[in-house]
C-alpha atoms as a PDB file:
ATOM      1  CA  UNK A   1      -9.196 -67.903  58.599  1.00  0.00           C
ATOM      2  CA  UNK A   2      -5.461 -68.014  58.588  1.00  0.00           C
ATOM      3  CA  UNK A   3      -3.202 -65.285  59.695  1.00  0.00           C
ATOM      4  CA  UNK A   4      -2.217 -64.676  56.135  1.00  0.00           C
ATOM      5  CA  UNK A   5      -5.914 -64.061  55.206  1.00  0.00           C
ATOM      6  CA  UNK A   6      -6.386 -61.579  58.098  1.00  0.00           C
ATOM      7  CA  UNK A   7      -3.250 -59.750  57.043  1.00  0.00           C
ATOM      8  CA  UNK A   8      -4.416 -59.635  53.404  1.00  0.00           C
ATOM      9  CA  UNK A   9      -7.780 -58.168  54.526  1.00  0.00           C
ATOM     10  CA  UNK A  10      -6.034 -55.568  56.523  1.00  0.00           C
ATOM     11  CA  UNK A  11      -3.618 -54.731  53.819  1.00  0.00           C
ATOM     12  CA  UNK A  12      -6.407 -54.324  51.332  1.00  0.00           C
ATOM     13  CA  UNK A  13      -8.311 -52.080  53.776  1.00  0.00           C
ATOM     14  CA  UNK A  14      -5.418 -49.716  54.186  1.00  0.00           C
ATOM     15  CA  UNK A  15      -4.690 -49.751  50.432  1.00  0.00           C
ATOM     16  CA  UNK A  16      -8.347 -48.804  49.553  1.00  0.00           C
ATOM     17  CA  UNK A  17      -8.429 -46.123  52.352  1.00  0.00           C
ATOM     18  CA  UNK A  18      -5.221 -44.595  50.971  1.00  0.00           C
ATOM     19  CA  UNK A  19      -6.470 -44.747  47.381  1.00  0.00           C
ATOM     20  CA  UNK A  20      -9.745 -43.073  48.301  1.00  0.00           C
ATOM     21  CA  UNK A  21      -8.334 -40.338  50.609  1.00  0.00           C
ATOM     22  CA  UNK A  22      -5.070 -39.842  48.771  1.00  0.00           C
ATOM     23  CA  UNK A  23      -6.207 -37.419  46.087  1.00  0.00           C
ATOM     24  CA  UNK A  24      -8.173 -35.235  48.506  1.00  0.00           C
ATOM     25  CA  UNK A  25      -5.315 -35.037  50.975  1.00  0.00           C
ATOM     26  CA  UNK A  26      -2.824 -34.180  48.156  1.00  0.00           C
ATOM     27  CA  UNK A  27      -5.128 -31.480  46.856  1.00  0.00           C
ATOM     28  CA  UNK A  28      -5.491 -30.156  50.425  1.00  0.00           C
ATOM     29  CA  UNK A  29      -1.808 -30.119  50.842  1.00  0.00           C
ATOM     30  CA  UNK A  30      -1.049 -28.376  47.533  1.00  0.00           C
ATOM     31  CA  UNK A  31      -3.714 -25.762  48.179  1.00  0.00           C
ATOM     32  CA  UNK A  32      -2.509 -25.139  51.660  1.00  0.00           C
ATOM     33  CA  UNK A  33       0.967 -24.585  50.425  1.00  0.00           C
ATOM     34  CA  UNK A  34      -0.106 -22.213  47.627  1.00  0.00           C
ATOM     35  CA  UNK A  35      -2.404 -20.235  49.966  1.00  0.00           C
ATOM     36  CA  UNK A  36       0.419 -20.144  52.706  1.00  0.00           C
ATOM     37  CA  UNK A  37       2.940 -18.650  50.115  1.00  0.00           C
ATOM     38  CA  UNK A  38       0.484 -16.141  48.989  1.00  0.00           C
ATOM     39  CA  UNK A  39      -0.458 -15.136  52.484  1.00  0.00           C
ATOM     40  CA  UNK A  40       3.232 -14.844  53.494  1.00  0.00           C
ATOM     41  CA  UNK A  41       3.913 -12.850  50.351  1.00  0.00           C
ATOM     42  CA  UNK A  42       0.981 -10.430  50.943  1.00  0.00           C
ATOM     43  CA  UNK A  43       1.280 -10.510  54.770  1.00  0.00           C
ATOM     44  CA  UNK A  44      -2.467 -11.361  55.034  1.00  0.00           C
ATOM     45  CA  UNK A  45      -2.680 -13.704  58.075  1.00  0.00           C
ATOM     46  CA  UNK A  46      -6.265 -14.873  57.993  1.00  0.00           C
ATOM     47  CA  UNK A  47      -6.846 -18.454  58.906  1.00  0.00           C
ATOM     48  CA  UNK A  48     -10.299 -18.670  57.360  1.00  0.00           C
ATOM     49  CA  UNK A  49      -8.879 -17.948  53.873  1.00  0.00           C
ATOM     50  CA  UNK A  50      -6.703 -21.081  53.876  1.00  0.00           C
ATOM     51  CA  UNK A  51      -9.638 -23.080  55.300  1.00  0.00           C
ATOM     52  CA  UNK A  52     -12.196 -22.049  52.717  1.00  0.00           C
ATOM     53  CA  UNK A  53      -9.814 -22.504  49.758  1.00  0.00           C
ATOM     54  CA  UNK A  54      -8.871 -26.065  51.005  1.00  0.00           C
ATOM     55  CA  UNK A  55     -12.628 -26.918  51.676  1.00  0.00           C
ATOM     56  CA  UNK A  56     -13.613 -25.821  48.166  1.00  0.00           C
ATOM     57  CA  UNK A  57     -10.665 -27.644  46.503  1.00  0.00           C
ATOM     58  CA  UNK A  58     -11.385 -30.853  48.415  1.00  0.00           C
ATOM     59  CA  UNK A  59     -15.122 -30.604  47.733  1.00  0.00           C
ATOM     60  CA  UNK A  60     -14.274 -30.218  43.919  1.00  0.00           C
ATOM     61  CA  UNK A  61     -11.847 -33.231  44.127  1.00  0.00           C
ATOM     62  CA  UNK A  62     -14.645 -35.335  45.645  1.00  0.00           C
ATOM     63  CA  UNK A  63     -17.081 -34.075  43.035  1.00  0.00           C
ATOM     64  CA  UNK A  64     -14.804 -35.020  40.187  1.00  0.00           C
ATOM     65  CA  UNK A  65     -13.481 -38.313  41.754  1.00  0.00           C
ATOM     66  CA  UNK A  66     -16.587 -39.359  43.718  1.00  0.00           C
ATOM     67  CA  UNK A  67     -17.857 -42.025  41.407  1.00  0.00           C
ATOM     68  CA  UNK A  68     -14.405 -43.566  41.208  1.00  0.00           C
ATOM     69  CA  UNK A  69     -13.986 -43.583  45.008  1.00  0.00           C
ATOM     70  CA  UNK A  70     -17.461 -45.181  45.531  1.00  0.00           C
ATOM     71  CA  UNK A  71     -16.630 -47.786  42.903  1.00  0.00           C
ATOM     72  CA  UNK A  72     -13.389 -48.708  44.779  1.00  0.00           C
ATOM     73  CA  UNK A  73     -15.243 -48.751  48.095  1.00  0.00           C
ATOM     74  CA  UNK A  74     -18.118 -50.952  46.806  1.00  0.00           C
ATOM     75  CA  UNK A  75     -15.717 -53.319  45.111  1.00  0.00           C
ATOM     76  CA  UNK A  76     -13.646 -53.638  48.327  1.00  0.00           C
ATOM     77  CA  UNK A  77     -16.788 -54.170  50.405  1.00  0.00           C
ATOM     78  CA  UNK A  78     -18.111 -56.845  48.014  1.00  0.00           C
ATOM     79  CA  UNK A  79     -14.839 -58.673  47.991  1.00  0.00           C
ATOM     80  CA  UNK A  80     -14.765 -58.554  51.873  1.00  0.00           C
ATOM     81  CA  UNK A  81     -18.289 -59.813  52.206  1.00  0.00           C
ATOM     82  CA  UNK A  82     -17.635 -62.571  49.699  1.00  0.00           C
ATOM     83  CA  UNK A  83     -14.684 -63.690  51.761  1.00  0.00           C
ATOM     84  CA  UNK A  84     -16.740 -64.271  54.739  1.00  0.00           C
ATOM     85  CA  UNK A  85     -17.406 -67.854  53.467  1.00  0.00           C
ATOM     86  CA  UNK A  86     -13.739 -68.466  53.744  1.00  0.00           C
ATOM     87  CA  UNK A  87     -13.757 -67.364  57.328  1.00  0.00           C
ATOM     88  CA  UNK A  88     -16.396 -69.763  58.535  1.00  0.00           C
ATOM     89  CA  UNK A  89     -14.705 -72.895  57.112  1.00  0.00           C
END
């Protein structure tokens, strides 16, 4: 395997990881901001409220996008395993 091939595999791994985790992280960020603003407005400083809301939102995101995420991961894994033949040459 050349250096370019290794860099390509690493780049694809980072890209797939970002694509799979990005929506959940974005939802957690948005929900954290919303709950933080509401807690600041109502002066309710309970950490468990923010945690539970973010947990439910991220769980719902994975429930909706779970099949898409698994498809992306399986495709990447298949392509990576198929490229093993190029490494051994």
